Amino acid sequence: MYDAVKKLFNGKDMSLAESLKVFEGIMKGEFDDDIVSAVLIALKMKGETATEIYVAAKVLNDLKFRFEHSKRPCIDTCGTGGDGKSCVNVSTAVSIILSSLGHNVVKHGNVAISGKVGSADILDMLGIPVKLSVDEMREFYERNGFVFLLAPMFHPAMKNVAQIRKKLGVPTIFNLLGPLVNPADPEYQIIGVGSKDKLEVYAEAASKFKNKKFIVYSSLDGYDEVSTKEPTRCYKIIDGQISEFVLKPEDFFEPFDMPSVSSKEEAKRLFLEGIIGENEKISILFAINTALALHLIDNSSIDDGFEKVLQHLKSGKVIEKLESLKGVSA
C-alpha cells in the first residue's frame, strides 16, 4: 500500500494488480484514514486511469448487495453527476419516459450532491417511492417495470470512506463509480459524465465491462446530459468495442441555452411541464436525451427517436405512467 502511495505521488499509474490491492484494502476498511486520504488526493492530482476506475468499480461491485430480479433486459440512465450546473433532472425524466415506452428501467441514484435536486429528491417530490425495503423494491419493479435503487442501501462498503470523502470536500474517484455499480447489473446504460476531460478515460473504463452496452457522453459546455446549446461527444460501447460520434443540437432543433433550476419547487414544475409537452424547450431536452437511450437499446435512428419521443410526451402517456407509480407501495 505504501509503495502504491509513493508511486501515485510520483505521478505514476497503478497497475491492475496494484489497483486491486489498494481498492480492496480501502473498501474493506483495512487502511488508516490518512493513508486513504493520501491515495484519493494523489489519484485526483495525477488523474485516474481507465484501469484504476475499472478496478475501483469492480471491487465495489464484488462487495455490493445485488438486486435480484427477473424483468430483463433493463436499462439505467444514471450519470456521474458533478457538473455543478443545477440543471433540471434529465436522467430521471428519461427513465420515466423509457418506462412509459415499455422498457424495463432500474434507476440507480442518490440525493443531490452538487446540484439542487438529485434523482431521489425529485422522485420523492413526485410521490414515487424511493425508500422501500429491498423486497418491496423487487415486488414494485416486477409489477411496474420501473424502480429506483437508493445507492447507499446497496453499497455498505462505502461507509468505510464516507467520513473521509466528507472531510476532503472535493470530488474523488468515488464520484465516478455510481453508474458502474448498479445493483441490478443492467444490460444497457447511458452515462452522462460531469467532467468532459474525463470522458474518454471513462469510456475506456466502461469498455472493460464485457457483455454490456453503454453510451458514455458529455457536452462541450460541461453538462452530463445531451446539451441543447453545444455539441455532445458520445462513445458507444458494445461488448467492449468503442465507437465515437457527436450530437449537434442544430441537427435536430434551433439551439438554446440549457435550463437551470434554483429551487426544488422549480425543478418539480419544469419536470412536469416537460413530460406533458407543455414546456417546449424542456420537452426537447428530455426528447433528445431519451432518443440517445433508444438508439442504444435498438440501434434506431436518433432523428426518429427524437420525433417519436416528442409525440409521445404530447400523448399524455408519460404522465399516465408517472401517476401509476405515485403513492404505490409494494
C-alpha atoms as a PDB file:
ATOM      1  CA  MET A   1       0.000   0.000   0.000  1.00  0.00           C
ATOM      2  CA  TYR A   2       2.752   2.441   0.954  1.00  0.00           C
ATOM      3  CA  ASP A   3       4.593   1.651  -2.277  1.00  0.00           C
ATOM      4  CA  ALA A   4       1.418   2.424  -4.210  1.00  0.00           C
ATOM      5  CA  VAL A   5       1.061   5.762  -2.421  1.00  0.00           C
ATOM      6  CA  LYS A   6       4.637   6.689  -3.284  1.00  0.00           C
ATOM      7  CA  LYS A   7       4.045   5.664  -6.877  1.00  0.00           C
ATOM      8  CA  LEU A   8       0.929   7.834  -7.100  1.00  0.00           C
ATOM      9  CA  PHE A   9       2.674  10.845  -5.569  1.00  0.00           C
ATOM     10  CA  ASN A  10       5.375  10.472  -8.200  1.00  0.00           C
ATOM     11  CA  GLY A  11       2.671  10.797 -10.836  1.00  0.00           C
ATOM     12  CA  LYS A  12       2.806   7.165 -11.904  1.00  0.00           C
ATOM     13  CA  ASP A  13      -0.209   4.996 -12.660  1.00  0.00           C
ATOM     14  CA  MET A  14      -1.058   1.880 -10.694  1.00  0.00           C
ATOM     15  CA  SER A  15      -1.122  -1.488 -12.440  1.00  0.00           C
ATOM     16  CA  LEU A  16      -4.250  -3.624 -12.364  1.00  0.00           C
ATOM     17  CA  ALA A  17      -2.813  -5.762  -9.550  1.00  0.00           C
ATOM     18  CA  GLU A  18      -1.772  -2.708  -7.524  1.00  0.00           C
ATOM     19  CA  SER A  19      -5.165  -1.082  -8.045  1.00  0.00           C
ATOM     20  CA  LEU A  20      -6.910  -4.239  -6.897  1.00  0.00           C
ATOM     21  CA  LYS A  21      -4.849  -4.445  -3.707  1.00  0.00           C
ATOM     22  CA  VAL A  22      -5.347  -0.770  -2.909  1.00  0.00           C
ATOM     23  CA  PHE A  23      -9.099  -0.593  -3.512  1.00  0.00           C
ATOM     24  CA  GLU A  24      -9.834  -3.886  -1.783  1.00  0.00           C
ATOM     25  CA  GLY A  25      -7.981  -2.561   1.258  1.00  0.00           C
ATOM     26  CA  ILE A  26      -9.841   0.741   1.162  1.00  0.00           C
ATOM     27  CA  MET A  27     -13.272  -0.821   0.693  1.00  0.00           C
ATOM     28  CA  LYS A  28     -12.710  -3.359   3.466  1.00  0.00           C
ATOM     29  CA  GLY A  29     -11.539  -0.700   5.907  1.00  0.00           C
ATOM     30  CA  GLU A  30      -8.023  -2.110   6.225  1.00  0.00           C
ATOM     31  CA  PHE A  31      -6.128   1.198   5.975  1.00  0.00           C
ATOM     32  CA  ASP A  32      -5.844   4.254   8.192  1.00  0.00           C
ATOM     33  CA  ASP A  33      -7.887   7.278   7.155  1.00  0.00           C
ATOM     34  CA  ASP A  34      -4.738   9.307   6.500  1.00  0.00           C
ATOM     35  CA  ILE A  35      -3.465   6.729   4.026  1.00  0.00           C
ATOM     36  CA  VAL A  36      -6.819   6.527   2.241  1.00  0.00           C
ATOM     37  CA  SER A  37      -6.968  10.318   2.013  1.00  0.00           C
ATOM     38  CA  ALA A  38      -3.463  10.382   0.572  1.00  0.00           C
ATOM     39  CA  VAL A  39      -4.381   7.809  -2.075  1.00  0.00           C
ATOM     40  CA  LEU A  40      -7.543   9.655  -3.108  1.00  0.00           C
ATOM     41  CA  ILE A  41      -5.799  13.018  -3.379  1.00  0.00           C
ATOM     42  CA  ALA A  42      -2.815  11.535  -5.212  1.00  0.00           C
ATOM     43  CA  LEU A  43      -5.155   9.852  -7.703  1.00  0.00           C
ATOM     44  CA  LYS A  44      -7.016  13.109  -8.246  1.00  0.00           C
ATOM     45  CA  MET A  45      -3.822  15.105  -8.791  1.00  0.00           C
ATOM     46  CA  LYS A  46      -2.378  12.513 -11.161  1.00  0.00           C
ATOM     47  CA  GLY A  47      -5.642  11.839 -12.962  1.00  0.00           C
ATOM     48  CA  GLU A  48      -7.417   8.495 -12.692  1.00  0.00           C
ATOM     49  CA  THR A  49      -6.716   5.961 -15.435  1.00  0.00           C
ATOM     50  CA  ALA A  50      -9.290   3.671 -17.029  1.00  0.00           C
ATOM     51  CA  THR A  51      -7.746   0.704 -15.223  1.00  0.00           C
ATOM     52  CA  GLU A  52      -7.927   2.442 -11.850  1.00  0.00           C
ATOM     53  CA  ILE A  53     -11.578   3.435 -12.380  1.00  0.00           C
ATOM     54  CA  TYR A  54     -12.478  -0.042 -13.630  1.00  0.00           C
ATOM     55  CA  VAL A  55     -10.805  -1.818 -10.712  1.00  0.00           C
ATOM     56  CA  ALA A  56     -12.379   0.503  -8.127  1.00  0.00           C
ATOM     57  CA  ALA A  57     -15.792  -0.222  -9.665  1.00  0.00           C
ATOM     58  CA  LYS A  58     -15.065  -3.948  -9.855  1.00  0.00           C
ATOM     59  CA  VAL A  59     -14.185  -4.096  -6.152  1.00  0.00           C
ATOM     60  CA  LEU A  60     -17.342  -2.176  -5.243  1.00  0.00           C
ATOM     61  CA  ASN A  61     -19.401  -4.481  -7.478  1.00  0.00           C
ATOM     62  CA  ASP A  62     -17.937  -7.526  -5.750  1.00  0.00           C
ATOM     63  CA  LEU A  63     -18.955  -6.128  -2.356  1.00  0.00           C
ATOM     64  CA  LYS A  64     -22.410  -4.731  -3.206  1.00  0.00           C
ATOM     65  CA  PHE A  65     -25.796  -6.211  -2.354  1.00  0.00           C
ATOM     66  CA  ARG A  66     -27.179  -7.377  -5.692  1.00  0.00           C
ATOM     67  CA  PHE A  67     -30.742  -6.556  -6.699  1.00  0.00           C
ATOM     68  CA  GLU A  68     -32.091  -9.856  -7.988  1.00  0.00           C
ATOM     69  CA  HIS A  69     -34.933  -9.606 -10.491  1.00  0.00           C
ATOM     70  CA  SER A  70     -36.469 -11.349 -13.493  1.00  0.00           C
ATOM     71  CA  LYS A  71     -37.518  -8.478 -15.777  1.00  0.00           C
ATOM     72  CA  ARG A  72     -34.710  -8.302 -18.326  1.00  0.00           C
ATOM     73  CA  PRO A  73     -33.231  -6.684 -20.274  1.00  0.00           C
ATOM     74  CA  CYS A  74     -33.222  -3.417 -18.345  1.00  0.00           C
ATOM     75  CA  ILE A  75     -31.600  -0.006 -18.624  1.00  0.00           C
ATOM     76  CA  ASP A  76     -30.182   2.583 -16.232  1.00  0.00           C
ATOM     77  CA  THR A  77     -29.802   6.285 -17.005  1.00  0.00           C
ATOM     78  CA  CYS A  78     -27.607   7.182 -14.016  1.00  0.00           C
ATOM     79  CA  GLY A  79     -24.798   9.636 -14.778  1.00  0.00           C
ATOM     80  CA  THR A  80     -21.793  10.650 -12.715  1.00  0.00           C
ATOM     81  CA  GLY A  81     -23.283  13.998 -11.740  1.00  0.00           C
ATOM     82  CA  GLY A  82     -20.900  16.634 -10.503  1.00  0.00           C
ATOM     83  CA  ASP A  83     -21.216  19.074 -13.388  1.00  0.00           C
ATOM     84  CA  GLY A  84     -22.344  21.729 -10.912  1.00  0.00           C
ATOM     85  CA  LYS A  85     -24.903  23.096 -13.354  1.00  0.00           C
ATOM     86  CA  SER A  86     -28.136  22.641 -11.331  1.00  0.00           C
ATOM     87  CA  CYS A  87     -29.949  21.522 -14.455  1.00  0.00           C
ATOM     88  CA  VAL A  88     -33.459  20.081 -14.460  1.00  0.00           C
ATOM     89  CA  ASN A  89     -33.485  16.330 -13.706  1.00  0.00           C
ATOM     90  CA  VAL A  90     -32.909  14.987 -17.201  1.00  0.00           C
ATOM     91  CA  SER A  91     -31.781  11.423 -16.473  1.00  0.00           C
ATOM     92  CA  THR A  92     -34.733  10.878 -14.131  1.00  0.00           C
ATOM     93  CA  ALA A  93     -37.170  12.164 -16.746  1.00  0.00           C
ATOM     94  CA  VAL A  94     -35.584   9.905 -19.358  1.00  0.00           C
ATOM     95  CA  SER A  95     -36.011   6.918 -17.046  1.00  0.00           C
ATOM     96  CA  ILE A  96     -39.753   7.515 -16.677  1.00  0.00           C
ATOM     97  CA  ILE A  97     -40.198   8.212 -20.398  1.00  0.00           C
ATOM     98  CA  LEU A  98     -38.421   4.950 -21.253  1.00  0.00           C
ATOM     99  CA  SER A  99     -40.626   3.082 -18.789  1.00  0.00           C
ATOM    100  CA  SER A 100     -43.744   4.592 -20.361  1.00  0.00           C
ATOM    101  CA  LEU A 101     -42.488   3.281 -23.718  1.00  0.00           C
ATOM    102  CA  GLY A 102     -42.383  -0.249 -22.307  1.00  0.00           C
ATOM    103  CA  HIS A 103     -38.708  -0.578 -21.388  1.00  0.00           C
ATOM    104  CA  ASN A 104     -37.616  -2.008 -18.039  1.00  0.00           C
ATOM    105  CA  VAL A 105     -35.800   0.646 -16.008  1.00  0.00           C
ATOM    106  CA  VAL A 106     -33.720   0.188 -12.859  1.00  0.00           C
ATOM    107  CA  LYS A 107     -32.657   3.704 -11.891  1.00  0.00           C
ATOM    108  CA  HIS A 108     -29.634   3.864  -9.618  1.00  0.00           C
ATOM    109  CA  GLY A 109     -29.103   7.153  -7.831  1.00  0.00           C
ATOM    110  CA  ASN A 110     -28.912   9.264  -4.731  1.00  0.00           C
ATOM    111  CA  VAL A 111     -29.947  12.570  -3.228  1.00  0.00           C
ATOM    112  CA  ALA A 112     -28.416  15.768  -4.624  1.00  0.00           C
ATOM    113  CA  ILE A 113     -24.663  16.187  -4.202  1.00  0.00           C
ATOM    114  CA  SER A 114     -23.662  19.193  -6.314  1.00  0.00           C
ATOM    115  CA  GLY A 115     -26.997  20.024  -7.942  1.00  0.00           C
ATOM    116  CA  LYS A 116     -30.168  21.445  -6.410  1.00  0.00           C
ATOM    117  CA  VAL A 117     -32.211  18.247  -6.672  1.00  0.00           C
ATOM    118  CA  GLY A 118     -30.974  14.672  -7.089  1.00  0.00           C
ATOM    119  CA  SER A 119     -32.881  11.793  -8.640  1.00  0.00           C
ATOM    120  CA  ALA A 120     -34.085  10.553  -5.243  1.00  0.00           C
ATOM    121  CA  ASP A 121     -35.239  14.071  -4.358  1.00  0.00           C
ATOM    122  CA  ILE A 122     -37.334  14.630  -7.482  1.00  0.00           C
ATOM    123  CA  LEU A 123     -38.924  11.176  -7.420  1.00  0.00           C
ATOM    124  CA  ASP A 124     -39.833  11.623  -3.765  1.00  0.00           C
ATOM    125  CA  MET A 125     -41.334  15.031  -4.550  1.00  0.00           C
ATOM    126  CA  LEU A 126     -43.394  13.406  -7.308  1.00  0.00           C
ATOM    127  CA  GLY A 127     -44.703  10.776  -4.907  1.00  0.00           C
ATOM    128  CA  ILE A 128     -42.772   7.818  -6.314  1.00  0.00           C
ATOM    129  CA  PRO A 129     -41.403   5.510  -3.582  1.00  0.00           C
ATOM    130  CA  VAL A 130     -37.641   5.734  -3.096  1.00  0.00           C
ATOM    131  CA  LYS A 131     -37.258   4.315   0.421  1.00  0.00           C
ATOM    132  CA  LEU A 132     -38.709   0.829   0.147  1.00  0.00           C
ATOM    133  CA  SER A 133     -37.133  -2.286   1.601  1.00  0.00           C
ATOM    134  CA  VAL A 134     -35.245  -4.467  -0.878  1.00  0.00           C
ATOM    135  CA  ASP A 135     -38.110  -6.976  -1.026  1.00  0.00           C
ATOM    136  CA  GLU A 136     -40.583  -4.150  -1.604  1.00  0.00           C
ATOM    137  CA  MET A 137     -38.339  -2.737  -4.339  1.00  0.00           C
ATOM    138  CA  ARG A 138     -38.263  -6.107  -6.063  1.00  0.00           C
ATOM    139  CA  GLU A 139     -42.046  -6.508  -5.963  1.00  0.00           C
ATOM    140  CA  PHE A 140     -42.512  -2.909  -7.114  1.00  0.00           C
ATOM    141  CA  TYR A 141     -40.181  -3.470 -10.063  1.00  0.00           C
ATOM    142  CA  GLU A 142     -41.684  -6.802 -11.097  1.00  0.00           C
ATOM    143  CA  ARG A 143     -45.115  -5.174 -11.099  1.00  0.00           C
ATOM    144  CA  ASN A 144     -44.258  -1.829 -12.700  1.00  0.00           C
ATOM    145  CA  GLY A 145     -41.129  -2.354 -14.812  1.00  0.00           C
ATOM    146  CA  PHE A 146     -39.586   0.611 -13.023  1.00  0.00           C
ATOM    147  CA  VAL A 147     -37.793   1.027  -9.717  1.00  0.00           C
ATOM    148  CA  PHE A 148     -35.399   3.420  -8.047  1.00  0.00           C
ATOM    149  CA  LEU A 149     -32.466   1.937  -6.134  1.00  0.00           C
ATOM    150  CA  LEU A 150     -31.080   4.294  -3.494  1.00  0.00           C
ATOM    151  CA  ALA A 151     -27.328   3.771  -3.729  1.00  0.00           C
ATOM    152  CA  PRO A 152     -26.381   3.766  -0.012  1.00  0.00           C
ATOM    153  CA  MET A 153     -28.704   0.811   0.658  1.00  0.00           C
ATOM    154  CA  PHE A 154     -26.719  -1.465  -1.647  1.00  0.00           C
ATOM    155  CA  HIS A 155     -23.136  -0.397  -1.006  1.00  0.00           C
ATOM    156  CA  PRO A 156     -22.251  -0.967   2.660  1.00  0.00           C
ATOM    157  CA  ALA A 157     -18.532  -0.794   1.840  1.00  0.00           C
ATOM    158  CA  MET A 158     -18.909   2.902   1.050  1.00  0.00           C
ATOM    159  CA  LYS A 159     -19.371   3.535   4.768  1.00  0.00           C
ATOM    160  CA  ASN A 160     -15.633   2.965   5.112  1.00  0.00           C
ATOM    161  CA  VAL A 161     -14.878   6.090   3.083  1.00  0.00           C
ATOM    162  CA  ALA A 162     -17.920   8.256   3.814  1.00  0.00           C
ATOM    163  CA  GLN A 163     -16.287  10.399   6.504  1.00  0.00           C
ATOM    164  CA  ILE A 164     -13.021  10.623   4.581  1.00  0.00           C
ATOM    165  CA  ARG A 165     -14.794  11.914   1.484  1.00  0.00           C
ATOM    166  CA  LYS A 166     -16.775  14.387   3.551  1.00  0.00           C
ATOM    167  CA  LYS A 167     -13.629  15.662   5.251  1.00  0.00           C
ATOM    168  CA  LEU A 168     -11.745  16.035   1.959  1.00  0.00           C
ATOM    169  CA  GLY A 169     -14.610  18.040   0.487  1.00  0.00           C
ATOM    170  CA  VAL A 170     -13.506  17.558  -3.126  1.00  0.00           C
ATOM    171  CA  PRO A 171     -14.577  15.087  -5.820  1.00  0.00           C
ATOM    172  CA  THR A 172     -12.576  11.858  -5.830  1.00  0.00           C
ATOM    173  CA  ILE A 173     -12.592   8.657  -7.860  1.00  0.00           C
ATOM    174  CA  PHE A 174     -15.639   7.544  -5.868  1.00  0.00           C
ATOM    175  CA  ASN A 175     -17.697  10.282  -7.519  1.00  0.00           C
ATOM    176  CA  LEU A 176     -17.190   8.458 -10.823  1.00  0.00           C
ATOM    177  CA  LEU A 177     -18.269   4.994  -9.733  1.00  0.00           C
ATOM    178  CA  GLY A 178     -22.055   5.261  -9.256  1.00  0.00           C
ATOM    179  CA  PRO A 179     -23.108   4.380 -12.822  1.00  0.00           C
ATOM    180  CA  LEU A 180     -20.701   1.435 -12.962  1.00  0.00           C
ATOM    181  CA  VAL A 181     -22.013  -0.264  -9.813  1.00  0.00           C
ATOM    182  CA  ASN A 182     -25.778  -0.516 -10.355  1.00  0.00           C
ATOM    183  CA  PRO A 183     -27.012  -3.331  -8.043  1.00  0.00           C
ATOM    184  CA  ALA A 184     -29.263  -4.691 -10.811  1.00  0.00           C
ATOM    185  CA  ASP A 185     -26.439  -5.147 -13.359  1.00  0.00           C
ATOM    186  CA  PRO A 186     -28.440  -3.658 -16.263  1.00  0.00           C
ATOM    187  CA  GLU A 187     -27.677  -4.712 -19.817  1.00  0.00           C
ATOM    188  CA  TYR A 188     -27.977  -1.131 -21.136  1.00  0.00           C
ATOM    189  CA  GLN A 189     -26.665   2.110 -19.658  1.00  0.00           C
ATOM    190  CA  ILE A 190     -26.467   5.689 -20.830  1.00  0.00           C
ATOM    191  CA  ILE A 191     -23.940   7.521 -18.665  1.00  0.00           C
ATOM    192  CA  GLY A 192     -23.534  11.266 -18.691  1.00  0.00           C
ATOM    193  CA  VAL A 193     -20.087  12.271 -17.429  1.00  0.00           C
ATOM    194  CA  GLY A 194     -19.923  15.516 -15.449  1.00  0.00           C
ATOM    195  CA  SER A 195     -16.332  16.326 -16.441  1.00  0.00           C
ATOM    196  CA  LYS A 196     -15.723  16.390 -20.185  1.00  0.00           C
ATOM    197  CA  ASP A 197     -11.994  15.975 -19.517  1.00  0.00           C
ATOM    198  CA  LYS A 198     -12.684  12.528 -18.067  1.00  0.00           C
ATOM    199  CA  LEU A 199     -15.000  11.369 -20.849  1.00  0.00           C
ATOM    200  CA  GLU A 200     -12.513   9.377 -22.901  1.00  0.00           C
ATOM    201  CA  VAL A 201     -10.911   7.611 -19.945  1.00  0.00           C
ATOM    202  CA  TYR A 202     -14.363   6.863 -18.523  1.00  0.00           C
ATOM    203  CA  ALA A 203     -15.458   5.296 -21.795  1.00  0.00           C
ATOM    204  CA  GLU A 204     -12.340   3.145 -21.760  1.00  0.00           C
ATOM    205  CA  ALA A 205     -13.118   2.055 -18.196  1.00  0.00           C
ATOM    206  CA  ALA A 206     -16.697   1.156 -19.156  1.00  0.00           C
ATOM    207  CA  SER A 207     -15.440  -0.859 -22.125  1.00  0.00           C
ATOM    208  CA  LYS A 208     -13.734  -3.258 -19.715  1.00  0.00           C
ATOM    209  CA  PHE A 209     -17.166  -4.479 -18.569  1.00  0.00           C
ATOM    210  CA  LYS A 210     -17.994  -7.178 -21.103  1.00  0.00           C
ATOM    211  CA  ASN A 211     -21.454  -8.307 -22.237  1.00  0.00           C
ATOM    212  CA  LYS A 212     -22.863  -4.824 -21.646  1.00  0.00           C
ATOM    213  CA  LYS A 213     -23.906  -1.925 -23.835  1.00  0.00           C
ATOM    214  CA  PHE A 214     -23.160   1.695 -22.950  1.00  0.00           C
ATOM    215  CA  ILE A 215     -23.297   5.167 -24.367  1.00  0.00           C
ATOM    216  CA  VAL A 216     -20.989   7.441 -22.366  1.00  0.00           C
ATOM    217  CA  TYR A 217     -21.245  11.140 -23.160  1.00  0.00           C
ATOM    218  CA  SER A 218     -20.506  14.708 -22.106  1.00  0.00           C
ATOM    219  CA  SER A 219     -21.340  18.012 -23.730  1.00  0.00           C
ATOM    220  CA  LEU A 220     -18.733  20.550 -24.766  1.00  0.00           C
ATOM    221  CA  ASP A 221     -20.358  23.099 -22.446  1.00  0.00           C
ATOM    222  CA  GLY A 222     -19.761  20.810 -19.487  1.00  0.00           C
ATOM    223  CA  TYR A 223     -23.055  19.009 -18.892  1.00  0.00           C
ATOM    224  CA  ASP A 224     -23.550  15.343 -18.098  1.00  0.00           C
ATOM    225  CA  GLU A 225     -26.520  15.491 -20.477  1.00  0.00           C
ATOM    226  CA  VAL A 226     -27.004  15.868 -24.205  1.00  0.00           C
ATOM    227  CA  SER A 227     -26.833  19.649 -24.451  1.00  0.00           C
ATOM    228  CA  THR A 228     -29.360  21.829 -26.247  1.00  0.00           C
ATOM    229  CA  LYS A 229     -26.699  24.502 -26.805  1.00  0.00           C
ATOM    230  CA  GLU A 230     -23.380  22.854 -27.723  1.00  0.00           C
ATOM    231  CA  PRO A 231     -22.286  19.563 -29.332  1.00  0.00           C
ATOM    232  CA  THR A 232     -22.183  16.435 -27.184  1.00  0.00           C
ATOM    233  CA  ARG A 233     -19.417  13.844 -27.610  1.00  0.00           C
ATOM    234  CA  CYS A 234     -20.645  10.280 -27.313  1.00  0.00           C
ATOM    235  CA  TYR A 235     -18.864   6.943 -27.049  1.00  0.00           C
ATOM    236  CA  LYS A 236     -20.972   3.909 -27.902  1.00  0.00           C
ATOM    237  CA  ILE A 237     -19.640   0.721 -26.332  1.00  0.00           C
ATOM    238  CA  ILE A 238     -20.943  -2.651 -27.457  1.00  0.00           C
ATOM    239  CA  ASP A 239     -19.390  -5.683 -25.784  1.00  0.00           C
ATOM    240  CA  GLY A 240     -16.144  -3.807 -25.184  1.00  0.00           C
ATOM    241  CA  GLN A 241     -15.879  -2.216 -28.645  1.00  0.00           C
ATOM    242  CA  ILE A 242     -15.873   1.600 -28.702  1.00  0.00           C
ATOM    243  CA  SER A 243     -17.134   3.892 -31.460  1.00  0.00           C
ATOM    244  CA  GLU A 244     -17.422   7.671 -31.270  1.00  0.00           C
ATOM    245  CA  PHE A 245     -19.999  10.120 -32.601  1.00  0.00           C
ATOM    246  CA  VAL A 246     -21.096  13.698 -31.952  1.00  0.00           C
ATOM    247  CA  LEU A 247     -24.625  15.021 -31.473  1.00  0.00           C
ATOM    248  CA  LYS A 248     -25.135  18.602 -32.643  1.00  0.00           C
ATOM    249  CA  PRO A 249     -28.327  20.316 -31.437  1.00  0.00           C
ATOM    250  CA  GLU A 250     -28.720  22.227 -34.706  1.00  0.00           C
ATOM    251  CA  ASP A 251     -29.253  18.911 -36.493  1.00  0.00           C
ATOM    252  CA  PHE A 252     -32.480  18.461 -34.526  1.00  0.00           C
ATOM    253  CA  PHE A 253     -33.732  21.904 -33.424  1.00  0.00           C
ATOM    254  CA  GLU A 254     -32.722  25.541 -33.009  1.00  0.00           C
ATOM    255  CA  PRO A 255     -30.091  25.516 -30.227  1.00  0.00           C
ATOM    256  CA  PHE A 256     -30.964  27.202 -26.933  1.00  0.00           C
ATOM    257  CA  ASP A 257     -29.404  27.647 -23.503  1.00  0.00           C
ATOM    258  CA  MET A 258     -29.626  24.715 -21.127  1.00  0.00           C
ATOM    259  CA  PRO A 259     -32.262  25.309 -18.433  1.00  0.00           C
ATOM    260  CA  SER A 260     -31.265  25.600 -14.789  1.00  0.00           C
ATOM    261  CA  VAL A 261     -33.294  25.422 -11.604  1.00  0.00           C
ATOM    262  CA  SER A 262     -32.921  27.497  -8.454  1.00  0.00           C
ATOM    263  CA  SER A 263     -35.227  25.574  -6.129  1.00  0.00           C
ATOM    264  CA  LYS A 264     -36.862  22.194  -5.595  1.00  0.00           C
ATOM    265  CA  GLU A 265     -40.226  23.694  -6.454  1.00  0.00           C
ATOM    266  CA  GLU A 266     -38.947  24.956  -9.802  1.00  0.00           C
ATOM    267  CA  ALA A 267     -37.297  21.604 -10.507  1.00  0.00           C
ATOM    268  CA  LYS A 268     -40.600  19.803  -9.977  1.00  0.00           C
ATOM    269  CA  ARG A 269     -42.581  22.301 -12.065  1.00  0.00           C
ATOM    270  CA  LEU A 270     -40.232  22.155 -15.052  1.00  0.00           C
ATOM    271  CA  PHE A 271     -40.019  18.373 -14.815  1.00  0.00           C
ATOM    272  CA  LEU A 272     -43.805  18.034 -15.049  1.00  0.00           C
ATOM    273  CA  GLU A 273     -44.107  20.663 -17.780  1.00  0.00           C
ATOM    274  CA  GLY A 274     -41.521  18.767 -19.798  1.00  0.00           C
ATOM    275  CA  ILE A 275     -43.074  15.307 -19.574  1.00  0.00           C
ATOM    276  CA  ILE A 276     -46.525  16.535 -20.617  1.00  0.00           C
ATOM    277  CA  GLY A 277     -45.204  18.545 -23.561  1.00  0.00           C
ATOM    278  CA  GLU A 278     -46.299  21.875 -22.088  1.00  0.00           C
ATOM    279  CA  ASN A 279     -42.816  23.425 -21.980  1.00  0.00           C
ATOM    280  CA  GLU A 280     -41.365  23.057 -25.470  1.00  0.00           C
ATOM    281  CA  LYS A 281     -37.726  23.582 -24.545  1.00  0.00           C
ATOM    282  CA  ILE A 282     -37.789  21.179 -21.606  1.00  0.00           C
ATOM    283  CA  SER A 283     -39.608  18.615 -23.749  1.00  0.00           C
ATOM    284  CA  ILE A 284     -36.945  18.965 -26.445  1.00  0.00           C
ATOM    285  CA  LEU A 285     -34.219  18.468 -23.818  1.00  0.00           C
ATOM    286  CA  PHE A 286     -35.921  15.332 -22.497  1.00  0.00           C
ATOM    287  CA  ALA A 287     -36.616  14.015 -26.002  1.00  0.00           C
ATOM    288  CA  ILE A 288     -33.074  14.282 -27.369  1.00  0.00           C
ATOM    289  CA  ASN A 289     -31.675  12.574 -24.281  1.00  0.00           C
ATOM    290  CA  THR A 290     -34.276   9.802 -24.467  1.00  0.00           C
ATOM    291  CA  ALA A 291     -33.545   9.340 -28.169  1.00  0.00           C
ATOM    292  CA  LEU A 292     -29.942   8.558 -27.245  1.00  0.00           C
ATOM    293  CA  ALA A 293     -31.148   5.775 -24.941  1.00  0.00           C
ATOM    294  CA  LEU A 294     -33.455   4.353 -27.611  1.00  0.00           C
ATOM    295  CA  HIS A 295     -30.548   4.318 -30.052  1.00  0.00           C
ATOM    296  CA  LEU A 296     -28.569   2.210 -27.593  1.00  0.00           C
ATOM    297  CA  ILE A 297     -31.435  -0.215 -26.970  1.00  0.00           C
ATOM    298  CA  ASP A 298     -32.482  -0.945 -30.542  1.00  0.00           C
ATOM    299  CA  ASN A 299     -29.987   0.926 -32.752  1.00  0.00           C
ATOM    300  CA  SER A 300     -32.797   3.144 -34.008  1.00  0.00           C
ATOM    301  CA  SER A 301     -32.094   6.471 -35.681  1.00  0.00           C
ATOM    302  CA  ILE A 302     -31.654   9.277 -33.159  1.00  0.00           C
ATOM    303  CA  ASP A 303     -33.645  11.536 -35.504  1.00  0.00           C
ATOM    304  CA  ASP A 304     -36.568   9.110 -35.492  1.00  0.00           C
ATOM    305  CA  GLY A 305     -36.291   8.572 -31.747  1.00  0.00           C
ATOM    306  CA  PHE A 306     -36.313  12.304 -31.096  1.00  0.00           C
ATOM    307  CA  GLU A 307     -39.525  12.842 -33.084  1.00  0.00           C
ATOM    308  CA  LYS A 308     -41.093   9.724 -31.579  1.00  0.00           C
ATOM    309  CA  VAL A 309     -40.466  10.916 -28.033  1.00  0.00           C
ATOM    310  CA  LEU A 310     -41.746  14.440 -28.703  1.00  0.00           C
ATOM    311  CA  GLN A 311     -45.038  12.991 -29.920  1.00  0.00           C
ATOM    312  CA  HIS A 312     -45.113  10.535 -27.037  1.00  0.00           C
ATOM    313  CA  LEU A 313     -44.768  13.350 -24.497  1.00  0.00           C
ATOM    314  CA  LYS A 314     -47.747  15.147 -26.031  1.00  0.00           C
ATOM    315  CA  SER A 315     -49.848  11.967 -25.925  1.00  0.00           C
ATOM    316  CA  GLY A 316     -50.103  12.063 -22.143  1.00  0.00           C
ATOM    317  CA  LYS A 317     -48.757   8.535 -21.728  1.00  0.00           C
ATOM    318  CA  VAL A 318     -45.699   9.627 -19.751  1.00  0.00           C
ATOM    319  CA  ILE A 319     -47.721  11.426 -17.099  1.00  0.00           C
ATOM    320  CA  GLU A 320     -50.029   8.392 -17.013  1.00  0.00           C
ATOM    321  CA  LYS A 321     -47.044   6.189 -16.226  1.00  0.00           C
ATOM    322  CA  LEU A 322     -45.855   8.587 -13.562  1.00  0.00           C
ATOM    323  CA  GLU A 323     -49.320   8.672 -11.979  1.00  0.00           C
ATOM    324  CA  SER A 324     -49.418   4.869 -11.955  1.00  0.00           C
ATOM    325  CA  LEU A 325     -46.223   4.855  -9.877  1.00  0.00           C
ATOM    326  CA  LYS A 326     -47.217   7.557  -7.405  1.00  0.00           C
ATOM    327  CA  GLY A 327     -48.024   6.518  -3.879  1.00  0.00           C
ATOM    328  CA  VAL A 328     -47.718   2.879  -4.828  1.00  0.00           C
ATOM    329  CA  SER A 329     -46.192   0.639  -2.228  1.00  0.00           C
ATOM    330  CA  ALA A 330     -45.268  -2.965  -2.623  1.00  0.00           C
END
